[in-house]
Amino acid sequence: MITLLLRYTIDPNKLSDIAQYAADEQVPIRQCGGKILGYFMPTDFAGATNEAFGLIEFPSLAAYEIYRGWRSIHCTRSMSQCLQVLAPCCPLSAR
């Protein structure tokens, strides 16, 4: 099992766009054998308001590599949308 922790720097004024990005990513992640454990958005009362996290789980490294390959081929629309929503990069880190 491979679990990715994605850390995003976001524009807190565009939370609905980020929610749409997360929704759009569900289909390719599931098609590649992955499972979204959750996206965690900032709050006004705890922590930074420009930081969000995502947890995605894949059954194997091979399944994750299939997803990465899919993203490298099909990311034109999604990645450009992502870059408009997330600032300054998307994602900052995946650990």
Foldseek 3Di string as FASTA:
>chain_A
DDKKKFKFFFDLVPVVLVVVLVVVVQVLQVVLQKDWPDKAADDPPDDDNRMIITMMDHPDPVSVVVSVVCCVVPVPVSLVSVCVTTPPHPTPDMD
